[in-house]
């Protein structure tokens, strides 16, 4: 895959292979989809250096750190509803820094084979996406992999200008030191509409989200909450 929409078929195949002791969100929702797909893609990694970007109290790193050298890159400042501290001493290193143009600590440590995130990239302002992905490239070794699971709202109508600009930002790494794992999977922004095969956030969870972010209720009434999968490979040294 390169940049694609997570499908029901893909989700169901991923869930069938999840170990029973893998931590999952306590209530099934969009992050359940994203965790399953992320684990399906990298859960069998061994002997790798892996960084989760903005993972907060990570559900995947405790498992991945059993066989890999793992790092959480997160300022832990409570932004976006994230934690300000971890509930216990983790089995992986924590670098309290956001990935971005001003990162300092991360650029001075050994680069990573895999960098991934779950429900993080959608919070990066569109005008800052290039800087974010450039910073990701700096911490990934040549031929390393960058995987992001990204929230997105779709309708059955043609995408609007804001969404087109957003998708253009997600494709921009292909011109900035990355290549697609599967070039045929790159979506076309003008054709990005909701279809029944796409894995979606349940309506009852959309209702619960209205309580925490009520200003998005009109969007949720007419849109489906889906996941974009970005799967890129670092093409060359920066």
C-alpha atoms as a PDB file:
ATOM      1  CA  UNK A   1       0.000   0.000   0.000  1.00  0.00           C
ATOM      2  CA  UNK A   2       1.009   3.621  -0.267  1.00  0.00           C
ATOM      3  CA  UNK A   3      -1.880   6.019   0.400  1.00  0.00           C
ATOM      4  CA  UNK A   4      -5.196   4.222   0.539  1.00  0.00           C
ATOM      5  CA  UNK A   5      -8.463   3.883   2.448  1.00  0.00           C
ATOM      6  CA  UNK A   6      -8.625   1.005   4.938  1.00  0.00           C
ATOM      7  CA  UNK A   7     -11.284  -1.433   3.770  1.00  0.00           C
ATOM      8  CA  UNK A   8     -13.592  -3.740   5.714  1.00  0.00           C
ATOM      9  CA  UNK A   9     -11.858  -6.704   4.105  1.00  0.00           C
ATOM     10  CA  UNK A  10      -8.447  -5.398   5.174  1.00  0.00           C
ATOM     11  CA  UNK A  11      -9.667  -4.750   8.719  1.00  0.00           C
ATOM     12  CA  UNK A  12     -11.265  -8.155   9.117  1.00  0.00           C
ATOM     13  CA  UNK A  13      -8.145  -9.902   7.841  1.00  0.00           C
ATOM     14  CA  UNK A  14      -5.988  -7.902  10.251  1.00  0.00           C
ATOM     15  CA  UNK A  15      -8.263  -8.570  13.249  1.00  0.00           C
ATOM     16  CA  UNK A  16      -8.182 -12.315  12.582  1.00  0.00           C
ATOM     17  CA  UNK A  17      -4.431 -12.326  13.203  1.00  0.00           C
ATOM     18  CA  UNK A  18      -4.290 -10.202  16.372  1.00  0.00           C
ATOM     19  CA  UNK A  19      -2.844 -11.923  19.457  1.00  0.00           C
ATOM     20  CA  UNK A  20      -5.419 -12.190  22.266  1.00  0.00           C
ATOM     21  CA  UNK A  21      -3.179 -10.365  24.749  1.00  0.00           C
ATOM     22  CA  UNK A  22      -2.593  -7.309  22.563  1.00  0.00           C
ATOM     23  CA  UNK A  23      -3.953  -4.207  24.381  1.00  0.00           C
ATOM     24  CA  UNK A  24      -6.936  -2.690  22.568  1.00  0.00           C
ATOM     25  CA  UNK A  25      -9.096   0.381  23.150  1.00  0.00           C
ATOM     26  CA  UNK A  26     -11.683  -0.436  25.867  1.00  0.00           C
ATOM     27  CA  UNK A  27     -14.528   0.474  23.479  1.00  0.00           C
ATOM     28  CA  UNK A  28     -14.400  -0.422  19.786  1.00  0.00           C
ATOM     29  CA  UNK A  29     -13.983   2.673  17.611  1.00  0.00           C
ATOM     30  CA  UNK A  30     -11.801   4.206  14.897  1.00  0.00           C
ATOM     31  CA  UNK A  31      -8.548   3.599  16.789  1.00  0.00           C
ATOM     32  CA  UNK A  32      -9.483  -0.094  16.985  1.00  0.00           C
ATOM     33  CA  UNK A  33      -9.354  -0.161  13.190  1.00  0.00           C
ATOM     34  CA  UNK A  34      -6.068   1.694  13.106  1.00  0.00           C
ATOM     35  CA  UNK A  35      -4.393  -0.400  15.820  1.00  0.00           C
ATOM     36  CA  UNK A  36      -5.337  -3.611  14.027  1.00  0.00           C
ATOM     37  CA  UNK A  37      -3.984  -2.457  10.671  1.00  0.00           C
ATOM     38  CA  UNK A  38      -0.789  -1.038  12.195  1.00  0.00           C
ATOM     39  CA  UNK A  39      -0.127  -4.293  14.044  1.00  0.00           C
ATOM     40  CA  UNK A  40      -0.872  -6.314  10.916  1.00  0.00           C
ATOM     41  CA  UNK A  41       1.788  -4.319   9.049  1.00  0.00           C
ATOM     42  CA  UNK A  42       4.574  -4.272  11.666  1.00  0.00           C
ATOM     43  CA  UNK A  43       3.605  -6.668  14.457  1.00  0.00           C
ATOM     44  CA  UNK A  44       6.010  -9.369  13.246  1.00  0.00           C
ATOM     45  CA  UNK A  45       9.058  -7.041  13.204  1.00  0.00           C
ATOM     46  CA  UNK A  46      12.108  -8.310  15.086  1.00  0.00           C
ATOM     47  CA  UNK A  47      15.419  -6.611  15.784  1.00  0.00           C
ATOM     48  CA  UNK A  48      14.223  -3.262  14.410  1.00  0.00           C
ATOM     49  CA  UNK A  49      14.381   0.284  15.711  1.00  0.00           C
ATOM     50  CA  UNK A  50      10.802   1.535  15.844  1.00  0.00           C
ATOM     51  CA  UNK A  51       9.435   4.936  16.818  1.00  0.00           C
ATOM     52  CA  UNK A  52       5.781   5.702  17.464  1.00  0.00           C
ATOM     53  CA  UNK A  53       5.031   9.362  16.843  1.00  0.00           C
ATOM     54  CA  UNK A  54       2.591  11.000  19.238  1.00  0.00           C
ATOM     55  CA  UNK A  55       1.468   7.696  20.721  1.00  0.00           C
ATOM     56  CA  UNK A  56       0.819   8.918  24.267  1.00  0.00           C
ATOM     57  CA  UNK A  57       0.038   5.903  26.452  1.00  0.00           C
ATOM     58  CA  UNK A  58       0.815   3.531  23.590  1.00  0.00           C
ATOM     59  CA  UNK A  59      -1.091   0.300  23.107  1.00  0.00           C
ATOM     60  CA  UNK A  60       1.302  -1.113  20.497  1.00  0.00           C
ATOM     61  CA  UNK A  61       4.780  -0.290  21.807  1.00  0.00           C
ATOM     62  CA  UNK A  62       4.603  -2.616  24.848  1.00  0.00           C
ATOM     63  CA  UNK A  63       4.130  -5.518  22.433  1.00  0.00           C
ATOM     64  CA  UNK A  64       6.564  -4.308  19.775  1.00  0.00           C
ATOM     65  CA  UNK A  65       9.276  -3.650  22.377  1.00  0.00           C
ATOM     66  CA  UNK A  66       9.441  -7.378  23.207  1.00  0.00           C
ATOM     67  CA  UNK A  67      11.428  -7.999  20.025  1.00  0.00           C
ATOM     68  CA  UNK A  68      12.523  -4.516  18.969  1.00  0.00           C
ATOM     69  CA  UNK A  69      14.284  -1.369  20.183  1.00  0.00           C
ATOM     70  CA  UNK A  70      11.341   1.025  20.540  1.00  0.00           C
ATOM     71  CA  UNK A  71      10.944   4.736  21.222  1.00  0.00           C
ATOM     72  CA  UNK A  72       7.901   6.884  21.923  1.00  0.00           C
ATOM     73  CA  UNK A  73       8.286  10.412  20.513  1.00  0.00           C
ATOM     74  CA  UNK A  74       5.686  12.549  22.266  1.00  0.00           C
ATOM     75  CA  UNK A  75       5.982  15.826  24.225  1.00  0.00           C
ATOM     76  CA  UNK A  76       3.409  14.479  26.718  1.00  0.00           C
ATOM     77  CA  UNK A  77       2.018  17.967  27.154  1.00  0.00           C
ATOM     78  CA  UNK A  78      -1.670  17.053  27.075  1.00  0.00           C
ATOM     79  CA  UNK A  79      -2.277  18.531  23.624  1.00  0.00           C
ATOM     80  CA  UNK A  80      -5.105  17.001  21.593  1.00  0.00           C
ATOM     81  CA  UNK A  81      -6.447  15.268  24.670  1.00  0.00           C
ATOM     82  CA  UNK A  82      -3.270  13.232  25.105  1.00  0.00           C
ATOM     83  CA  UNK A  83      -1.617  12.435  28.450  1.00  0.00           C
ATOM     84  CA  UNK A  84       0.865  14.589  30.331  1.00  0.00           C
ATOM     85  CA  UNK A  85       2.560  11.556  31.821  1.00  0.00           C
ATOM     86  CA  UNK A  86       2.556   7.784  31.416  1.00  0.00           C
ATOM     87  CA  UNK A  87       0.805   5.673  34.061  1.00  0.00           C
ATOM     88  CA  UNK A  88       3.832   3.446  34.669  1.00  0.00           C
ATOM     89  CA  UNK A  89       7.454   2.979  33.645  1.00  0.00           C
ATOM     90  CA  UNK A  90       7.340   1.760  30.028  1.00  0.00           C
ATOM     91  CA  UNK A  91       9.386  -0.994  28.418  1.00  0.00           C
ATOM     92  CA  UNK A  92      10.584   1.441  25.747  1.00  0.00           C
ATOM     93  CA  UNK A  93      12.461   4.726  25.619  1.00  0.00           C
ATOM     94  CA  UNK A  94      10.482   7.972  25.799  1.00  0.00           C
ATOM     95  CA  UNK A  95      11.702  11.096  24.000  1.00  0.00           C
ATOM     96  CA  UNK A  96       9.561  14.015  25.129  1.00  0.00           C
ATOM     97  CA  UNK A  97       9.597  15.898  21.859  1.00  0.00           C
ATOM     98  CA  UNK A  98       7.165  16.451  18.996  1.00  0.00           C
ATOM     99  CA  UNK A  99       8.259  15.382  15.532  1.00  0.00           C
ATOM    100  CA  UNK A 100       8.542  18.490  13.389  1.00  0.00           C
ATOM    101  CA  UNK A 101      10.874  21.142  11.971  1.00  0.00           C
ATOM    102  CA  UNK A 102      12.112  22.173  15.420  1.00  0.00           C
ATOM    103  CA  UNK A 103      12.933  18.714  16.728  1.00  0.00           C
ATOM    104  CA  UNK A 104      16.321  18.577  18.421  1.00  0.00           C
ATOM    105  CA  UNK A 105      16.594  15.425  20.537  1.00  0.00           C
ATOM    106  CA  UNK A 106      15.386  13.040  17.839  1.00  0.00           C
ATOM    107  CA  UNK A 107      17.807  14.233  15.182  1.00  0.00           C
ATOM    108  CA  UNK A 108      20.737  13.279  17.414  1.00  0.00           C
ATOM    109  CA  UNK A 109      19.812   9.642  18.062  1.00  0.00           C
ATOM    110  CA  UNK A 110      20.214   6.549  15.904  1.00  0.00           C
ATOM    111  CA  UNK A 111      17.739   6.562  12.993  1.00  0.00           C
ATOM    112  CA  UNK A 112      14.785   4.203  12.819  1.00  0.00           C
ATOM    113  CA  UNK A 113      13.767   1.313  10.577  1.00  0.00           C
ATOM    114  CA  UNK A 114      10.067   2.054  11.127  1.00  0.00           C
ATOM    115  CA  UNK A 115       8.227   5.222  12.126  1.00  0.00           C
ATOM    116  CA  UNK A 116       4.469   5.010  12.633  1.00  0.00           C
ATOM    117  CA  UNK A 117       1.533   6.879  14.143  1.00  0.00           C
ATOM    118  CA  UNK A 118      -2.129   6.268  14.963  1.00  0.00           C
ATOM    119  CA  UNK A 119      -4.585   9.205  14.748  1.00  0.00           C
ATOM    120  CA  UNK A 120      -1.852  11.850  14.787  1.00  0.00           C
ATOM    121  CA  UNK A 121      -1.251  13.255  11.295  1.00  0.00           C
ATOM    122  CA  UNK A 122      -4.771  14.683  10.948  1.00  0.00           C
ATOM    123  CA  UNK A 123      -3.878  17.099  13.766  1.00  0.00           C
ATOM    124  CA  UNK A 124      -0.908  18.548  11.857  1.00  0.00           C
ATOM    125  CA  UNK A 125      -2.039  21.814  10.152  1.00  0.00           C
ATOM    126  CA  UNK A 126      -2.046  21.510   6.365  1.00  0.00           C
ATOM    127  CA  UNK A 127       0.562  24.239   5.961  1.00  0.00           C
ATOM    128  CA  UNK A 128       2.889  22.328   8.326  1.00  0.00           C
ATOM    129  CA  UNK A 129       2.647  18.893   6.681  1.00  0.00           C
ATOM    130  CA  UNK A 130       5.774  19.311   4.536  1.00  0.00           C
ATOM    131  CA  UNK A 131       7.828  20.227   7.599  1.00  0.00           C
ATOM    132  CA  UNK A 132       6.389  17.290   9.536  1.00  0.00           C
ATOM    133  CA  UNK A 133       7.212  14.761   6.823  1.00  0.00           C
ATOM    134  CA  UNK A 134      10.676  16.249   6.291  1.00  0.00           C
ATOM    135  CA  UNK A 135      11.281  15.760  10.011  1.00  0.00           C
ATOM    136  CA  UNK A 136      10.079  12.158   9.738  1.00  0.00           C
ATOM    137  CA  UNK A 137      12.558  11.621   6.911  1.00  0.00           C
ATOM    138  CA  UNK A 138      15.421  12.865   9.083  1.00  0.00           C
ATOM    139  CA  UNK A 139      14.820  10.178  11.701  1.00  0.00           C
ATOM    140  CA  UNK A 140      14.247   7.252   9.291  1.00  0.00           C
ATOM    141  CA  UNK A 141      17.192   5.377   7.837  1.00  0.00           C
ATOM    142  CA  UNK A 142      17.417   4.814   4.035  1.00  0.00           C
ATOM    143  CA  UNK A 143      14.920   2.114   2.993  1.00  0.00           C
ATOM    144  CA  UNK A 144      13.135   2.608   6.341  1.00  0.00           C
ATOM    145  CA  UNK A 145       9.363   2.630   6.446  1.00  0.00           C
ATOM    146  CA  UNK A 146       6.888   5.385   7.409  1.00  0.00           C
ATOM    147  CA  UNK A 147       3.362   4.270   8.283  1.00  0.00           C
ATOM    148  CA  UNK A 148       0.595   6.630   9.400  1.00  0.00           C
ATOM    149  CA  UNK A 149      -3.047   5.762  10.134  1.00  0.00           C
ATOM    150  CA  UNK A 150      -4.961   8.996   9.563  1.00  0.00           C
ATOM    151  CA  UNK A 151      -8.544  10.016  10.470  1.00  0.00           C
ATOM    152  CA  UNK A 152     -10.599  11.422   7.606  1.00  0.00           C
ATOM    153  CA  UNK A 153     -14.263  12.396   7.072  1.00  0.00           C
ATOM    154  CA  UNK A 154     -15.838  11.476   3.732  1.00  0.00           C
ATOM    155  CA  UNK A 155     -19.237  11.890   2.097  1.00  0.00           C
ATOM    156  CA  UNK A 156     -20.633  10.359  -1.065  1.00  0.00           C
ATOM    157  CA  UNK A 157     -20.128  13.749  -2.740  1.00  0.00           C
ATOM    158  CA  UNK A 158     -17.011  14.934  -4.533  1.00  0.00           C
ATOM    159  CA  UNK A 159     -14.315  16.101  -2.094  1.00  0.00           C
ATOM    160  CA  UNK A 160     -14.129  19.792  -1.308  1.00  0.00           C
ATOM    161  CA  UNK A 161     -11.091  22.006  -1.747  1.00  0.00           C
ATOM    162  CA  UNK A 162      -9.988  21.609   1.873  1.00  0.00           C
ATOM    163  CA  UNK A 163      -9.919  17.825   1.587  1.00  0.00           C
ATOM    164  CA  UNK A 164      -8.162  17.962  -1.792  1.00  0.00           C
ATOM    165  CA  UNK A 165      -5.483  20.215  -0.309  1.00  0.00           C
ATOM    166  CA  UNK A 166      -5.162  17.877   2.644  1.00  0.00           C
ATOM    167  CA  UNK A 167      -4.677  14.819   0.438  1.00  0.00           C
ATOM    168  CA  UNK A 168      -2.167  16.727  -1.681  1.00  0.00           C
ATOM    169  CA  UNK A 169      -0.212  17.261   1.551  1.00  0.00           C
ATOM    170  CA  UNK A 170      -0.319  13.540   2.275  1.00  0.00           C
ATOM    171  CA  UNK A 171       1.049  12.757  -1.182  1.00  0.00           C
ATOM    172  CA  UNK A 172       3.790  15.401  -0.986  1.00  0.00           C
ATOM    173  CA  UNK A 173       6.345  13.070   0.728  1.00  0.00           C
ATOM    174  CA  UNK A 174       6.573  11.220  -2.591  1.00  0.00           C
ATOM    175  CA  UNK A 175       8.419  14.299  -3.856  1.00  0.00           C
ATOM    176  CA  UNK A 176      10.415  14.752  -0.671  1.00  0.00           C
ATOM    177  CA  UNK A 177      12.577  11.676  -0.106  1.00  0.00           C
ATOM    178  CA  UNK A 178       9.965   8.914   0.035  1.00  0.00           C
ATOM    179  CA  UNK A 179       8.546   6.421  -2.425  1.00  0.00           C
ATOM    180  CA  UNK A 180       5.332   4.433  -2.295  1.00  0.00           C
ATOM    181  CA  UNK A 181       5.423   0.838  -1.122  1.00  0.00           C
ATOM    182  CA  UNK A 182       2.746   0.152  -3.731  1.00  0.00           C
ATOM    183  CA  UNK A 183       2.404   2.966  -6.298  1.00  0.00           C
ATOM    184  CA  UNK A 184      -0.846   1.525  -7.627  1.00  0.00           C
ATOM    185  CA  UNK A 185      -2.527   2.111  -4.254  1.00  0.00           C
ATOM    186  CA  UNK A 186      -2.150   5.901  -4.227  1.00  0.00           C
ATOM    187  CA  UNK A 187      -5.615   7.464  -4.162  1.00  0.00           C
ATOM    188  CA  UNK A 188      -6.748  10.260  -6.433  1.00  0.00           C
ATOM    189  CA  UNK A 189      -8.141  13.194  -4.386  1.00  0.00           C
ATOM    190  CA  UNK A 190     -10.876  14.038  -6.869  1.00  0.00           C
ATOM    191  CA  UNK A 191     -12.221  10.462  -6.627  1.00  0.00           C
ATOM    192  CA  UNK A 192     -12.130  10.191  -2.835  1.00  0.00           C
ATOM    193  CA  UNK A 193     -15.739   9.582  -1.819  1.00  0.00           C
ATOM    194  CA  UNK A 194     -17.297   7.338   0.796  1.00  0.00           C
ATOM    195  CA  UNK A 195     -18.185   3.864  -0.452  1.00  0.00           C
ATOM    196  CA  UNK A 196     -19.705   0.902   1.388  1.00  0.00           C
ATOM    197  CA  UNK A 197     -16.502  -1.203   1.321  1.00  0.00           C
ATOM    198  CA  UNK A 198     -14.660   1.259   3.578  1.00  0.00           C
ATOM    199  CA  UNK A 199     -14.119   0.464   7.270  1.00  0.00           C
ATOM    200  CA  UNK A 200     -15.849   3.132   9.360  1.00  0.00           C
ATOM    201  CA  UNK A 201     -16.222   4.454  12.888  1.00  0.00           C
ATOM    202  CA  UNK A 202     -19.516   3.243  14.456  1.00  0.00           C
ATOM    203  CA  UNK A 203     -22.359   5.751  14.647  1.00  0.00           C
ATOM    204  CA  UNK A 204     -22.653   5.322  18.425  1.00  0.00           C
ATOM    205  CA  UNK A 205     -19.030   6.427  18.771  1.00  0.00           C
ATOM    206  CA  UNK A 206     -19.687   9.389  16.486  1.00  0.00           C
ATOM    207  CA  UNK A 207     -22.442  10.357  18.925  1.00  0.00           C
ATOM    208  CA  UNK A 208     -20.028  10.104  21.862  1.00  0.00           C
ATOM    209  CA  UNK A 209     -17.501  12.233  20.014  1.00  0.00           C
ATOM    210  CA  UNK A 210     -20.176  14.904  19.631  1.00  0.00           C
ATOM    211  CA  UNK A 211     -20.001  15.331  23.406  1.00  0.00           C
ATOM    212  CA  UNK A 212     -16.288  16.090  23.390  1.00  0.00           C
ATOM    213  CA  UNK A 213     -16.111  18.077  20.129  1.00  0.00           C
ATOM    214  CA  UNK A 214     -19.686  19.307  19.530  1.00  0.00           C
ATOM    215  CA  UNK A 215     -18.689  21.747  16.787  1.00  0.00           C
ATOM    216  CA  UNK A 216     -18.098  18.773  14.452  1.00  0.00           C
ATOM    217  CA  UNK A 217     -21.606  17.384  14.884  1.00  0.00           C
ATOM    218  CA  UNK A 218     -22.900  18.850  11.565  1.00  0.00           C
ATOM    219  CA  UNK A 219     -19.997  17.155   9.766  1.00  0.00           C
ATOM    220  CA  UNK A 220     -20.659  13.827  11.469  1.00  0.00           C
ATOM    221  CA  UNK A 221     -24.337  13.975  10.496  1.00  0.00           C
ATOM    222  CA  UNK A 222     -23.404  13.869   6.809  1.00  0.00           C
ATOM    223  CA  UNK A 223     -19.966  12.216   6.730  1.00  0.00           C
ATOM    224  CA  UNK A 224     -18.431   8.853   7.555  1.00  0.00           C
ATOM    225  CA  UNK A 225     -15.270   8.670   9.671  1.00  0.00           C
ATOM    226  CA  UNK A 226     -12.727   6.493   7.851  1.00  0.00           C
ATOM    227  CA  UNK A 227      -8.996   5.774   7.996  1.00  0.00           C
ATOM    228  CA  UNK A 228      -6.350   6.625   5.447  1.00  0.00           C
ATOM    229  CA  UNK A 229      -3.294   4.388   5.427  1.00  0.00           C
ATOM    230  CA  UNK A 230       0.011   5.986   4.416  1.00  0.00           C
ATOM    231  CA  UNK A 231       2.762   3.442   3.751  1.00  0.00           C
ATOM    232  CA  UNK A 232       5.930   5.008   2.334  1.00  0.00           C
ATOM    233  CA  UNK A 233       9.582   3.953   2.154  1.00  0.00           C
ATOM    234  CA  UNK A 234      12.538   6.319   2.545  1.00  0.00           C
ATOM    235  CA  UNK A 235      14.037   6.409  -0.913  1.00  0.00           C
ATOM    236  CA  UNK A 236      17.425   7.955  -0.173  1.00  0.00           C
ATOM    237  CA  UNK A 237      19.431   9.720   2.511  1.00  0.00           C
ATOM    238  CA  UNK A 238      18.253  13.304   3.114  1.00  0.00           C
END
